[in-house]
Amino acid sequence: MDVLDLYVLLGNILDNAMESVKQLSDESERIVEARLYRDRNMIRMVFRNRYIGELRFKSGLPVSTKIQDGNHGFGMQSIQNIVEKYSGANTIDTDNGIFLLKIMIHKIIFLT
């Protein structure tokens, strides 16, 4: 995996999660959970955060809640593209104010 792809992947995931929890009025709920596991030649990533409001989806991806000025809404698509580039899979679940993103990527070798 190209290190730049890893930076873009993690950067977009964490940026989206932090933007989401900033909207929570209860500061004690402003938690972003990130877990990364290596299993032989696979890496599994699990990201969880709370959110408020209602999420809308288009083509299986959440639609940006930011003001649409042409500079937003590409993060989740970038995540999807990188996961697919490395023959991976991802799932997004939302339940009771919890956003859960799971990613599995096969044959991880980091290229510098």
PDB file of N, CA and C in Angstrom:
ATOM      1  N   MET A   1       0.863  -1.172   0.000  1.00  0.00           N
ATOM      2  CA  MET A   1       0.000   0.000   0.000  1.00  0.00           C
ATOM      3  C   MET A   1       0.903   1.226   0.000  1.00  0.00           C
ATOM      4  N   ASP A   2       0.598   2.122  -0.858  1.00  0.00           N
ATOM      5  CA  ASP A   2       1.339   3.376  -0.916  1.00  0.00           C
ATOM      6  C   ASP A   2       1.050   4.166   0.364  1.00  0.00           C
ATOM      7  N   VAL A   3       2.088   4.700   0.974  1.00  0.00           N
ATOM      8  CA  VAL A   3       1.936   5.445   2.220  1.00  0.00           C
ATOM      9  C   VAL A   3       0.996   6.636   2.032  1.00  0.00           C
ATOM     10  N   LEU A   4       1.036   7.285   0.879  1.00  0.00           N
ATOM     11  CA  LEU A   4       0.133   8.406   0.617  1.00  0.00           C
ATOM     12  C   LEU A   4      -1.325   7.946   0.662  1.00  0.00           C
ATOM     13  N   ASP A   5      -1.608   6.764   0.109  1.00  0.00           N
ATOM     14  CA  ASP A   5      -2.976   6.225   0.177  1.00  0.00           C
ATOM     15  C   ASP A   5      -3.397   5.998   1.626  1.00  0.00           C
ATOM     16  N   LEU A   6      -2.475   5.514   2.442  1.00  0.00           N
ATOM     17  CA  LEU A   6      -2.793   5.297   3.855  1.00  0.00           C
ATOM     18  C   LEU A   6      -3.091   6.626   4.543  1.00  0.00           C
ATOM     19  N   TYR A   7      -2.299   7.659   4.258  1.00  0.00           N
ATOM     20  CA  TYR A   7      -2.544   8.984   4.837  1.00  0.00           C
ATOM     21  C   TYR A   7      -3.901   9.529   4.408  1.00  0.00           C
ATOM     22  N   VAL A   8      -4.226   9.413   3.133  1.00  0.00           N
ATOM     23  CA  VAL A   8      -5.507   9.918   2.628  1.00  0.00           C
ATOM     24  C   VAL A   8      -6.658   9.134   3.266  1.00  0.00           C
ATOM     25  N   LEU A   9      -6.519   7.824   3.354  1.00  0.00           N
ATOM     26  CA  LEU A   9      -7.554   6.973   3.940  1.00  0.00           C
ATOM     27  C   LEU A   9      -7.812   7.369   5.398  1.00  0.00           C
ATOM     28  N   LEU A  10      -6.766   7.345   6.214  1.00  0.00           N
ATOM     29  CA  LEU A  10      -6.932   7.660   7.632  1.00  0.00           C
ATOM     30  C   LEU A  10      -7.302   9.125   7.852  1.00  0.00           C
ATOM     31  N   GLY A  11      -6.729  10.021   7.060  1.00  0.00           N
ATOM     32  CA  GLY A  11      -7.046  11.433   7.195  1.00  0.00           C
ATOM     33  C   GLY A  11      -8.509  11.720   6.945  1.00  0.00           C
ATOM     34  N   ASN A  12      -9.065  11.151   5.886  1.00  0.00           N
ATOM     35  CA  ASN A  12     -10.485  11.366   5.581  1.00  0.00           C
ATOM     36  C   ASN A  12     -11.396  10.755   6.639  1.00  0.00           C
ATOM     37  N   ILE A  13     -11.055   9.548   7.077  1.00  0.00           N
ATOM     38  CA  ILE A  13     -11.882   8.886   8.095  1.00  0.00           C
ATOM     39  C   ILE A  13     -11.898   9.706   9.375  1.00  0.00           C
ATOM     40  N   LEU A  14     -10.719  10.092   9.840  1.00  0.00           N
ATOM     41  CA  LEU A  14     -10.643  10.822  11.109  1.00  0.00           C
ATOM     42  C   LEU A  14     -11.224  12.230  10.993  1.00  0.00           C
ATOM     43  N   ASP A  15     -11.027  12.881   9.861  1.00  0.00           N
ATOM     44  CA  ASP A  15     -11.609  14.212   9.656  1.00  0.00           C
ATOM     45  C   ASP A  15     -13.130  14.141   9.703  1.00  0.00           C
ATOM     46  N   ASN A  16     -13.709  13.164   9.016  1.00  0.00           N
ATOM     47  CA  ASN A  16     -15.167  13.006   9.029  1.00  0.00           C
ATOM     48  C   ASN A  16     -15.677  12.735  10.440  1.00  0.00           C
ATOM     49  N   ALA A  17     -14.987  11.867  11.160  1.00  0.00           N
ATOM     50  CA  ALA A  17     -15.430  11.517  12.517  1.00  0.00           C
ATOM     51  C   ALA A  17     -15.337  12.721  13.449  1.00  0.00           C
ATOM     52  N   MET A  18     -14.249  13.469  13.361  1.00  0.00           N
ATOM     53  CA  MET A  18     -14.087  14.636  14.240  1.00  0.00           C
ATOM     54  C   MET A  18     -15.107  15.717  13.914  1.00  0.00           C
ATOM     55  N   GLU A  19     -15.397  15.918  12.623  1.00  0.00           N
ATOM     56  CA  GLU A  19     -16.439  16.886  12.242  1.00  0.00           C
ATOM     57  C   GLU A  19     -17.777  16.478  12.837  1.00  0.00           C
ATOM     58  N   SER A  20     -18.042  15.191  12.850  1.00  0.00           N
ATOM     59  CA  SER A  20     -19.311  14.691  13.364  1.00  0.00           C
ATOM     60  C   SER A  20     -19.436  14.905  14.866  1.00  0.00           C
ATOM     61  N   VAL A  21     -18.412  14.523  15.615  1.00  0.00           N
ATOM     62  CA  VAL A  21     -18.532  14.630  17.076  1.00  0.00           C
ATOM     63  C   VAL A  21     -18.491  16.079  17.561  1.00  0.00           C
ATOM     64  N   LYS A  22     -17.931  16.995  16.772  1.00  0.00           N
ATOM     65  CA  LYS A  22     -17.943  18.408  17.156  1.00  0.00           C
ATOM     66  C   LYS A  22     -19.368  18.939  17.269  1.00  0.00           C
ATOM     67  N   GLN A  23     -20.308  18.291  16.586  1.00  0.00           N
ATOM     68  CA  GLN A  23     -21.699  18.732  16.596  1.00  0.00           C
ATOM     69  C   GLN A  23     -22.437  18.320  17.872  1.00  0.00           C
ATOM     70  N   LEU A  24     -21.850  17.423  18.657  1.00  0.00           N
ATOM     71  CA  LEU A  24     -22.506  16.920  19.863  1.00  0.00           C
ATOM     72  C   LEU A  24     -22.417  17.951  20.983  1.00  0.00           C
ATOM     73  N   SER A  25     -23.534  18.221  21.633  1.00  0.00           N
ATOM     74  CA  SER A  25     -23.532  19.203  22.721  1.00  0.00           C
ATOM     75  C   SER A  25     -22.885  18.640  23.985  1.00  0.00           C
ATOM     76  N   ASP A  26     -23.007  17.346  24.207  1.00  0.00           N
ATOM     77  CA  ASP A  26     -22.415  16.702  25.380  1.00  0.00           C
ATOM     78  C   ASP A  26     -20.965  16.336  25.068  1.00  0.00           C
ATOM     79  N   GLU A  27     -20.040  17.092  25.652  1.00  0.00           N
ATOM     80  CA  GLU A  27     -18.622  16.880  25.366  1.00  0.00           C
ATOM     81  C   GLU A  27     -18.141  15.487  25.751  1.00  0.00           C
ATOM     82  N   SER A  28     -18.793  14.854  26.710  1.00  0.00           N
ATOM     83  CA  SER A  28     -18.366  13.517  27.126  1.00  0.00           C
ATOM     84  C   SER A  28     -18.641  12.465  26.040  1.00  0.00           C
ATOM     85  N   GLU A  29     -19.478  12.799  25.065  1.00  0.00           N
ATOM     86  CA  GLU A  29     -19.783  11.874  23.973  1.00  0.00           C
ATOM     87  C   GLU A  29     -18.914  12.126  22.743  1.00  0.00           C
ATOM     88  N   ARG A  30     -18.032  13.100  22.813  1.00  0.00           N
ATOM     89  CA  ARG A  30     -17.172  13.441  21.671  1.00  0.00           C
ATOM     90  C   ARG A  30     -15.963  12.506  21.619  1.00  0.00           C
ATOM     91  N   ILE A  31     -16.252  11.264  21.287  1.00  0.00           N
ATOM     92  CA  ILE A  31     -15.223  10.225  21.256  1.00  0.00           C
ATOM     93  C   ILE A  31     -15.165   9.625  19.859  1.00  0.00           C
ATOM     94  N   VAL A  32     -13.956   9.492  19.346  1.00  0.00           N
ATOM     95  CA  VAL A  32     -13.718   8.807  18.082  1.00  0.00           C
ATOM     96  C   VAL A  32     -12.896   7.572  18.415  1.00  0.00           C
ATOM     97  N   GLU A  33     -13.425   6.431  18.095  1.00  0.00           N
ATOM     98  CA  GLU A  33     -12.747   5.164  18.370  1.00  0.00           C
ATOM     99  C   GLU A  33     -12.152   4.631  17.068  1.00  0.00           C
ATOM    100  N   ALA A  34     -10.881   4.303  17.104  1.00  0.00           N
ATOM    101  CA  ALA A  34     -10.199   3.743  15.933  1.00  0.00           C
ATOM    102  C   ALA A  34      -9.441   2.502  16.376  1.00  0.00           C
ATOM    103  N   ARG A  35      -9.707   1.400  15.718  1.00  0.00           N
ATOM    104  CA  ARG A  35      -9.004   0.146  16.016  1.00  0.00           C
ATOM    105  C   ARG A  35      -8.474  -0.426  14.714  1.00  0.00           C
ATOM    106  N   LEU A  36      -7.203  -0.764  14.726  1.00  0.00           N
ATOM    107  CA  LEU A  36      -6.577  -1.368  13.558  1.00  0.00           C
ATOM    108  C   LEU A  36      -5.953  -2.682  13.990  1.00  0.00           C
ATOM    109  N   TYR A  37      -6.231  -3.715  13.220  1.00  0.00           N
ATOM    110  CA  TYR A  37      -5.730  -5.049  13.518  1.00  0.00           C
ATOM    111  C   TYR A  37      -5.003  -5.597  12.295  1.00  0.00           C
ATOM    112  N   ARG A  38      -3.912  -6.271  12.512  1.00  0.00           N
ATOM    113  CA  ARG A  38      -3.240  -6.975  11.432  1.00  0.00           C
ATOM    114  C   ARG A  38      -3.468  -8.460  11.646  1.00  0.00           C
ATOM    115  N   ASP A  39      -3.935  -9.125  10.621  1.00  0.00           N
ATOM    116  CA  ASP A  39      -4.211 -10.556  10.668  1.00  0.00           C
ATOM    117  C   ASP A  39      -3.558 -11.190   9.450  1.00  0.00           C
ATOM    118  N   ARG A  40      -2.404 -11.777   9.663  1.00  0.00           N
ATOM    119  CA  ARG A  40      -1.596 -12.338   8.578  1.00  0.00           C
ATOM    120  C   ARG A  40      -1.356 -11.279   7.513  1.00  0.00           C
ATOM    121  N   ASN A  41      -1.914 -11.455   6.336  1.00  0.00           N
ATOM    122  CA  ASN A  41      -1.681 -10.486   5.262  1.00  0.00           C
ATOM    123  C   ASN A  41      -2.887  -9.568   5.046  1.00  0.00           C
ATOM    124  N   MET A  42      -3.683  -9.384   6.084  1.00  0.00           N
ATOM    125  CA  MET A  42      -4.837  -8.488   5.999  1.00  0.00           C
ATOM    126  C   MET A  42      -4.743  -7.451   7.107  1.00  0.00           C
ATOM    127  N   ILE A  43      -5.363  -6.327   6.859  1.00  0.00           N
ATOM    128  CA  ILE A  43      -5.524  -5.336   7.919  1.00  0.00           C
ATOM    129  C   ILE A  43      -7.015  -5.045   8.043  1.00  0.00           C
ATOM    130  N   ARG A  44      -7.463  -5.009   9.278  1.00  0.00           N
ATOM    131  CA  ARG A  44      -8.859  -4.707   9.581  1.00  0.00           C
ATOM    132  C   ARG A  44      -8.880  -3.390  10.348  1.00  0.00           C
ATOM    133  N   MET A  45      -9.774  -2.527   9.944  1.00  0.00           N
ATOM    134  CA  MET A  45      -9.917  -1.227  10.601  1.00  0.00           C
ATOM    135  C   MET A  45     -11.369  -1.057  11.025  1.00  0.00           C
ATOM    136  N   VAL A  46     -11.552  -0.565  12.235  1.00  0.00           N
ATOM    137  CA  VAL A  46     -12.894  -0.302  12.750  1.00  0.00           C
ATOM    138  C   VAL A  46     -12.885   1.107  13.345  1.00  0.00           C
ATOM    139  N   PHE A  47     -13.798   1.928  12.863  1.00  0.00           N
ATOM    140  CA  PHE A  47     -13.919   3.308  13.334  1.00  0.00           C
ATOM    141  C   PHE A  47     -15.352   3.514  13.793  1.00  0.00           C
ATOM    142  N   ARG A  48     -15.481   4.156  14.962  1.00  0.00           N
ATOM    143  CA  ARG A  48     -16.814   4.358  15.541  1.00  0.00           C
ATOM    144  C   ARG A  48     -16.878   5.751  16.148  1.00  0.00           C
ATOM    145  N   ASN A  49     -17.992   6.427  15.910  1.00  0.00           N
ATOM    146  CA  ASN A  49     -18.234   7.723  16.549  1.00  0.00           C
ATOM    147  C   ASN A  49     -19.732   7.984  16.606  1.00  0.00           C
ATOM    148  N   ARG A  50     -20.107   8.858  17.518  1.00  0.00           N
ATOM    149  CA  ARG A  50     -21.508   9.266  17.627  1.00  0.00           C
ATOM    150  C   ARG A  50     -21.784  10.368  16.611  1.00  0.00           C
ATOM    151  N   TYR A  51     -23.041  10.537  16.294  1.00  0.00           N
ATOM    152  CA  TYR A  51     -23.464  11.633  15.417  1.00  0.00           C
ATOM    153  C   TYR A  51     -24.870  12.051  15.812  1.00  0.00           C
ATOM    154  N   ILE A  52     -25.251  13.249  15.398  1.00  0.00           N
ATOM    155  CA  ILE A  52     -26.619  13.704  15.625  1.00  0.00           C
ATOM    156  C   ILE A  52     -27.259  13.949  14.265  1.00  0.00           C
ATOM    157  N   GLY A  53     -28.568  13.961  14.261  1.00  0.00           N
ATOM    158  CA  GLY A  53     -29.289  14.215  13.020  1.00  0.00           C
ATOM    159  C   GLY A  53     -29.536  12.932  12.255  1.00  0.00           C
ATOM    160  N   GLU A  54     -29.896  13.125  11.020  1.00  0.00           N
ATOM    161  CA  GLU A  54     -30.209  11.993  10.153  1.00  0.00           C
ATOM    162  C   GLU A  54     -29.211  11.955   9.006  1.00  0.00           C
ATOM    163  N   LEU A  55     -28.615  10.793   8.794  1.00  0.00           N
ATOM    164  CA  LEU A  55     -27.674  10.642   7.686  1.00  0.00           C
ATOM    165  C   LEU A  55     -28.434  10.178   6.450  1.00  0.00           C
ATOM    166  N   ARG A  56     -28.092  10.781   5.334  1.00  0.00           N
ATOM    167  CA  ARG A  56     -28.643  10.358   4.052  1.00  0.00           C
ATOM    168  C   ARG A  56     -27.546   9.633   3.290  1.00  0.00           C
ATOM    169  N   PHE A  57     -27.953   8.645   2.512  1.00  0.00           N
ATOM    170  CA  PHE A  57     -26.998   7.861   1.739  1.00  0.00           C
ATOM    171  C   PHE A  57     -27.310   7.963   0.254  1.00  0.00           C
ATOM    172  N   LYS A  58     -26.252   7.948  -0.537  1.00  0.00           N
ATOM    173  CA  LYS A  58     -26.374   7.928  -1.990  1.00  0.00           C
ATOM    174  C   LYS A  58     -25.343   6.931  -2.506  1.00  0.00           C
ATOM    175  N   SER A  59     -25.805   5.948  -3.243  1.00  0.00           N
ATOM    176  CA  SER A  59     -24.938   4.889  -3.774  1.00  0.00           C
ATOM    177  C   SER A  59     -24.163   4.195  -2.655  1.00  0.00           C
ATOM    178  N   GLY A  60     -24.791   4.026  -1.497  1.00  0.00           N
ATOM    179  CA  GLY A  60     -24.187   3.315  -0.383  1.00  0.00           C
ATOM    180  C   GLY A  60     -23.248   4.130   0.484  1.00  0.00           C
ATOM    181  N   LEU A  61     -23.048   5.409   0.141  1.00  0.00           N
ATOM    182  CA  LEU A  61     -22.145   6.262   0.911  1.00  0.00           C
ATOM    183  C   LEU A  61     -22.918   7.412   1.535  1.00  0.00           C
ATOM    184  N   PRO A  62     -22.529   7.821   2.750  1.00  0.00           N
ATOM    185  CA  PRO A  62     -23.216   8.960   3.368  1.00  0.00           C
ATOM    186  C   PRO A  62     -22.995  10.234   2.553  1.00  0.00           C
ATOM    187  N   VAL A  63     -24.024  11.027   2.465  1.00  0.00           N
ATOM    188  CA  VAL A  63     -23.947  12.315   1.778  1.00  0.00           C
ATOM    189  C   VAL A  63     -23.400  13.336   2.768  1.00  0.00           C
ATOM    190  N   SER A  64     -22.496  14.188   2.313  1.00  0.00           N
ATOM    191  CA  SER A  64     -21.893  15.200   3.170  1.00  0.00           C
ATOM    192  C   SER A  64     -22.969  16.083   3.783  1.00  0.00           C
ATOM    193  N   THR A  65     -22.773  16.398   5.064  1.00  0.00           N
ATOM    194  CA  THR A  65     -23.702  17.301   5.753  1.00  0.00           C
ATOM    195  C   THR A  65     -23.174  18.725   5.758  1.00  0.00           C
ATOM    196  N   LYS A  66     -21.995  18.934   5.182  1.00  0.00           N
ATOM    197  CA  LYS A  66     -21.411  20.277   5.104  1.00  0.00           C
ATOM    198  C   LYS A  66     -22.109  21.074   4.009  1.00  0.00           C
ATOM    199  N   ILE A  67     -22.019  22.373   4.105  1.00  0.00           N
ATOM    200  CA  ILE A  67     -22.591  23.233   3.079  1.00  0.00           C
ATOM    201  C   ILE A  67     -21.947  22.880   1.745  1.00  0.00           C
ATOM    202  N   GLN A  68     -22.777  22.635   0.754  1.00  0.00           N
ATOM    203  CA  GLN A  68     -22.281  22.195  -0.548  1.00  0.00           C
ATOM    204  C   GLN A  68     -21.784  23.382  -1.365  1.00  0.00           C
ATOM    205  N   ASP A  69     -20.471  23.600  -1.307  1.00  0.00           N
ATOM    206  CA  ASP A  69     -19.880  24.694  -2.072  1.00  0.00           C
ATOM    207  C   ASP A  69     -18.917  24.167  -3.129  1.00  0.00           C
ATOM    208  N   GLY A  70     -18.986  22.869  -3.395  1.00  0.00           N
ATOM    209  CA  GLY A  70     -18.110  22.262  -4.385  1.00  0.00           C
ATOM    210  C   GLY A  70     -16.818  21.729  -3.805  1.00  0.00           C
ATOM    211  N   ASN A  71     -16.548  21.989  -2.518  1.00  0.00           N
ATOM    212  CA  ASN A  71     -15.310  21.539  -1.891  1.00  0.00           C
ATOM    213  C   ASN A  71     -15.524  20.426  -0.876  1.00  0.00           C
ATOM    214  N   HIS A  72     -16.724  19.901  -0.773  1.00  0.00           N
ATOM    215  CA  HIS A  72     -17.024  18.879   0.220  1.00  0.00           C
ATOM    216  C   HIS A  72     -17.699  17.688  -0.450  1.00  0.00           C
ATOM    217  N   GLY A  73     -17.697  16.567   0.272  1.00  0.00           N
ATOM    218  CA  GLY A  73     -18.404  15.393  -0.213  1.00  0.00           C
ATOM    219  C   GLY A  73     -17.517  14.391  -0.924  1.00  0.00           C
ATOM    220  N   PHE A  74     -16.212  14.628  -0.923  1.00  0.00           N
ATOM    221  CA  PHE A  74     -15.309  13.713  -1.625  1.00  0.00           C
ATOM    222  C   PHE A  74     -14.610  12.737  -0.691  1.00  0.00           C
ATOM    223  N   GLY A  75     -14.673  12.969   0.623  1.00  0.00           N
ATOM    224  CA  GLY A  75     -13.956  12.139   1.583  1.00  0.00           C
ATOM    225  C   GLY A  75     -14.373  10.687   1.556  1.00  0.00           C
ATOM    226  N   MET A  76     -15.666  10.423   1.649  1.00  0.00           N
ATOM    227  CA  MET A  76     -16.141   9.034   1.658  1.00  0.00           C
ATOM    228  C   MET A  76     -15.867   8.350   0.319  1.00  0.00           C
ATOM    229  N   GLN A  77     -15.963   9.102  -0.774  1.00  0.00           N
ATOM    230  CA  GLN A  77     -15.657   8.506  -2.083  1.00  0.00           C
ATOM    231  C   GLN A  77     -14.174   8.178  -2.174  1.00  0.00           C
ATOM    232  N   SER A  78     -13.319   9.029  -1.626  1.00  0.00           N
ATOM    233  CA  SER A  78     -11.877   8.756  -1.596  1.00  0.00           C
ATOM    234  C   SER A  78     -11.579   7.503  -0.783  1.00  0.00           C
ATOM    235  N   ILE A  79     -12.242   7.368   0.359  1.00  0.00           N
ATOM    236  CA  ILE A  79     -12.084   6.181   1.196  1.00  0.00           C
ATOM    237  C   ILE A  79     -12.473   4.944   0.404  1.00  0.00           C
ATOM    238  N   GLN A  80     -13.630   4.992  -0.233  1.00  0.00           N
ATOM    239  CA  GLN A  80     -14.129   3.865  -1.035  1.00  0.00           C
ATOM    240  C   GLN A  80     -13.147   3.522  -2.151  1.00  0.00           C
ATOM    241  N   ASN A  81     -12.635   4.520  -2.843  1.00  0.00           N
ATOM    242  CA  ASN A  81     -11.703   4.278  -3.953  1.00  0.00           C
ATOM    243  C   ASN A  81     -10.415   3.618  -3.482  1.00  0.00           C
ATOM    244  N   ILE A  82      -9.881   4.064  -2.353  1.00  0.00           N
ATOM    245  CA  ILE A  82      -8.639   3.477  -1.847  1.00  0.00           C
ATOM    246  C   ILE A  82      -8.871   2.040  -1.405  1.00  0.00           C
ATOM    247  N   VAL A  83      -9.961   1.788  -0.713  1.00  0.00           N
ATOM    248  CA  VAL A  83     -10.271   0.419  -0.284  1.00  0.00           C
ATOM    249  C   VAL A  83     -10.380  -0.501  -1.508  1.00  0.00           C
ATOM    250  N   GLU A  84     -11.076  -0.062  -2.535  1.00  0.00           N
ATOM    251  CA  GLU A  84     -11.228  -0.869  -3.751  1.00  0.00           C
ATOM    252  C   GLU A  84      -9.908  -1.034  -4.495  1.00  0.00           C
ATOM    253  N   LYS A  85      -9.061   0.000  -4.472  1.00  0.00           N
ATOM    254  CA  LYS A  85      -7.756  -0.064  -5.145  1.00  0.00           C
ATOM    255  C   LYS A  85      -6.926  -1.233  -4.622  1.00  0.00           C
ATOM    256  N   TYR A  86      -7.077  -1.541  -3.329  1.00  0.00           N
ATOM    257  CA  TYR A  86      -6.309  -2.621  -2.710  1.00  0.00           C
ATOM    258  C   TYR A  86      -7.154  -3.872  -2.479  1.00  0.00           C
ATOM    259  N   SER A  87      -8.176  -4.050  -3.317  1.00  0.00           N
ATOM    260  CA  SER A  87      -9.042  -5.243  -3.282  1.00  0.00           C
ATOM    261  C   SER A  87      -9.656  -5.465  -1.908  1.00  0.00           C
ATOM    262  N   GLY A  88     -10.022  -4.384  -1.268  1.00  0.00           N
ATOM    263  CA  GLY A  88     -10.613  -4.476   0.058  1.00  0.00           C
ATOM    264  C   GLY A  88     -12.115  -4.347   0.016  1.00  0.00           C
ATOM    265  N   ALA A  89     -12.694  -4.338   1.197  1.00  0.00           N
ATOM    266  CA  ALA A  89     -14.142  -4.194   1.342  1.00  0.00           C
ATOM    267  C   ALA A  89     -14.412  -3.324   2.555  1.00  0.00           C
ATOM    268  N   ASN A  90     -15.513  -2.606   2.500  1.00  0.00           N
ATOM    269  CA  ASN A  90     -15.904  -1.809   3.652  1.00  0.00           C
ATOM    270  C   ASN A  90     -17.411  -1.859   3.841  1.00  0.00           C
ATOM    271  N   THR A  91     -17.812  -1.661   5.085  1.00  0.00           N
ATOM    272  CA  THR A  91     -19.233  -1.573   5.409  1.00  0.00           C
ATOM    273  C   THR A  91     -19.444  -0.352   6.292  1.00  0.00           C
ATOM    274  N   ILE A  92     -20.600   0.229   6.158  1.00  0.00           N
ATOM    275  CA  ILE A  92     -20.994   1.370   6.988  1.00  0.00           C
ATOM    276  C   ILE A  92     -22.321   1.002   7.635  1.00  0.00           C
ATOM    277  N   ASP A  93     -22.356   1.127   8.951  1.00  0.00           N
ATOM    278  CA  ASP A  93     -23.582   0.884   9.698  1.00  0.00           C
ATOM    279  C   ASP A  93     -23.882   2.107  10.541  1.00  0.00           C
ATOM    280  N   THR A  94     -25.143   2.431  10.647  1.00  0.00           N
ATOM    281  CA  THR A  94     -25.581   3.501  11.538  1.00  0.00           C
ATOM    282  C   THR A  94     -26.719   2.956  12.372  1.00  0.00           C
ATOM    283  N   ASP A  95     -26.628   3.169  13.670  1.00  0.00           N
ATOM    284  CA  ASP A  95     -27.674   2.682  14.549  1.00  0.00           C
ATOM    285  C   ASP A  95     -27.672   3.494  15.829  1.00  0.00           C
ATOM    286  N   ASN A  96     -28.815   4.052  16.164  1.00  0.00           N
ATOM    287  CA  ASN A  96     -28.992   4.736  17.436  1.00  0.00           C
ATOM    288  C   ASN A  96     -27.931   5.810  17.685  1.00  0.00           C
ATOM    289  N   GLY A  97     -27.607   6.591  16.651  1.00  0.00           N
ATOM    290  CA  GLY A  97     -26.657   7.679  16.802  1.00  0.00           C
ATOM    291  C   GLY A  97     -25.196   7.262  16.770  1.00  0.00           C
ATOM    292  N   ILE A  98     -24.922   6.031  16.362  1.00  0.00           N
ATOM    293  CA  ILE A  98     -23.544   5.533  16.253  1.00  0.00           C
ATOM    294  C   ILE A  98     -23.238   5.281  14.783  1.00  0.00           C
ATOM    295  N   PHE A  99     -22.121   5.840  14.309  1.00  0.00           N
ATOM    296  CA  PHE A  99     -21.622   5.607  12.952  1.00  0.00           C
ATOM    297  C   PHE A  99     -20.485   4.603  13.077  1.00  0.00           C
ATOM    298  N   LEU A 100     -20.551   3.523  12.303  1.00  0.00           N
ATOM    299  CA  LEU A 100     -19.555   2.454  12.369  1.00  0.00           C
ATOM    300  C   LEU A 100     -19.054   2.153  10.965  1.00  0.00           C
ATOM    301  N   LEU A 101     -17.753   2.321  10.771  1.00  0.00           N
ATOM    302  CA  LEU A 101     -17.107   2.034   9.494  1.00  0.00           C
ATOM    303  C   LEU A 101     -16.133   0.887   9.707  1.00  0.00           C
ATOM    304  N   LYS A 102     -16.307  -0.186   8.944  1.00  0.00           N
ATOM    305  CA  LYS A 102     -15.392  -1.335   9.008  1.00  0.00           C
ATOM    306  C   LYS A 102     -14.734  -1.495   7.650  1.00  0.00           C
ATOM    307  N   ILE A 103     -13.420  -1.682   7.677  1.00  0.00           N
ATOM    308  CA  ILE A 103     -12.643  -1.843   6.445  1.00  0.00           C
ATOM    309  C   ILE A 103     -11.752  -3.067   6.589  1.00  0.00           C
ATOM    310  N   MET A 104     -11.662  -3.840   5.520  1.00  0.00           N
ATOM    311  CA  MET A 104     -10.727  -4.954   5.473  1.00  0.00           C
ATOM    312  C   MET A 104      -9.983  -4.865   4.144  1.00  0.00           C
ATOM    313  N   ILE A 105      -8.666  -4.859   4.241  1.00  0.00           N
ATOM    314  CA  ILE A 105      -7.833  -4.783   3.040  1.00  0.00           C
ATOM    315  C   ILE A 105      -6.880  -5.972   3.047  1.00  0.00           C
ATOM    316  N   HIS A 106      -6.777  -6.644   1.914  1.00  0.00           N
ATOM    317  CA  HIS A 106      -5.934  -7.830   1.767  1.00  0.00           C
ATOM    318  C   HIS A 106      -4.527  -7.455   1.311  1.00  0.00           C
ATOM    319  N   LYS A 107      -3.601  -8.311   1.625  1.00  0.00           N
ATOM    320  CA  LYS A 107      -2.232  -8.254   1.109  1.00  0.00           C
ATOM    321  C   LYS A 107      -1.594  -6.881   1.303  1.00  0.00           C
ATOM    322  N   ILE A 108      -1.512  -6.469   2.542  1.00  0.00           N
ATOM    323  CA  ILE A 108      -0.933  -5.167   2.855  1.00  0.00           C
ATOM    324  C   ILE A 108       0.590  -5.259   2.861  1.00  0.00           C
ATOM    325  N   ILE A 109       1.207  -4.477   2.024  1.00  0.00           N
ATOM    326  CA  ILE A 109       2.647  -4.256   2.039  1.00  0.00           C
ATOM    327  C   ILE A 109       2.812  -2.761   1.852  1.00  0.00           C
ATOM    328  N   PHE A 110       3.461  -2.114   2.788  1.00  0.00           N
ATOM    329  CA  PHE A 110       3.580  -0.668   2.711  1.00  0.00           C
ATOM    330  C   PHE A 110       4.766  -0.285   1.843  1.00  0.00           C
ATOM    331  N   LEU A 111       4.516   0.606   0.901  1.00  0.00           N
ATOM    332  CA  LEU A 111       5.538   1.104  -0.006  1.00  0.00           C
ATOM    333  C   LEU A 111       5.918   2.514   0.407  1.00  0.00           C
ATOM    334  N   THR A 112       7.199   2.799   0.487  1.00  0.00           N
ATOM    335  CA  THR A 112       7.623   4.142   0.871  1.00  0.00           C
ATOM    336  C   THR A 112       8.176   4.875  -0.327  1.00  0.00           C
TER     337      THR A 112
END
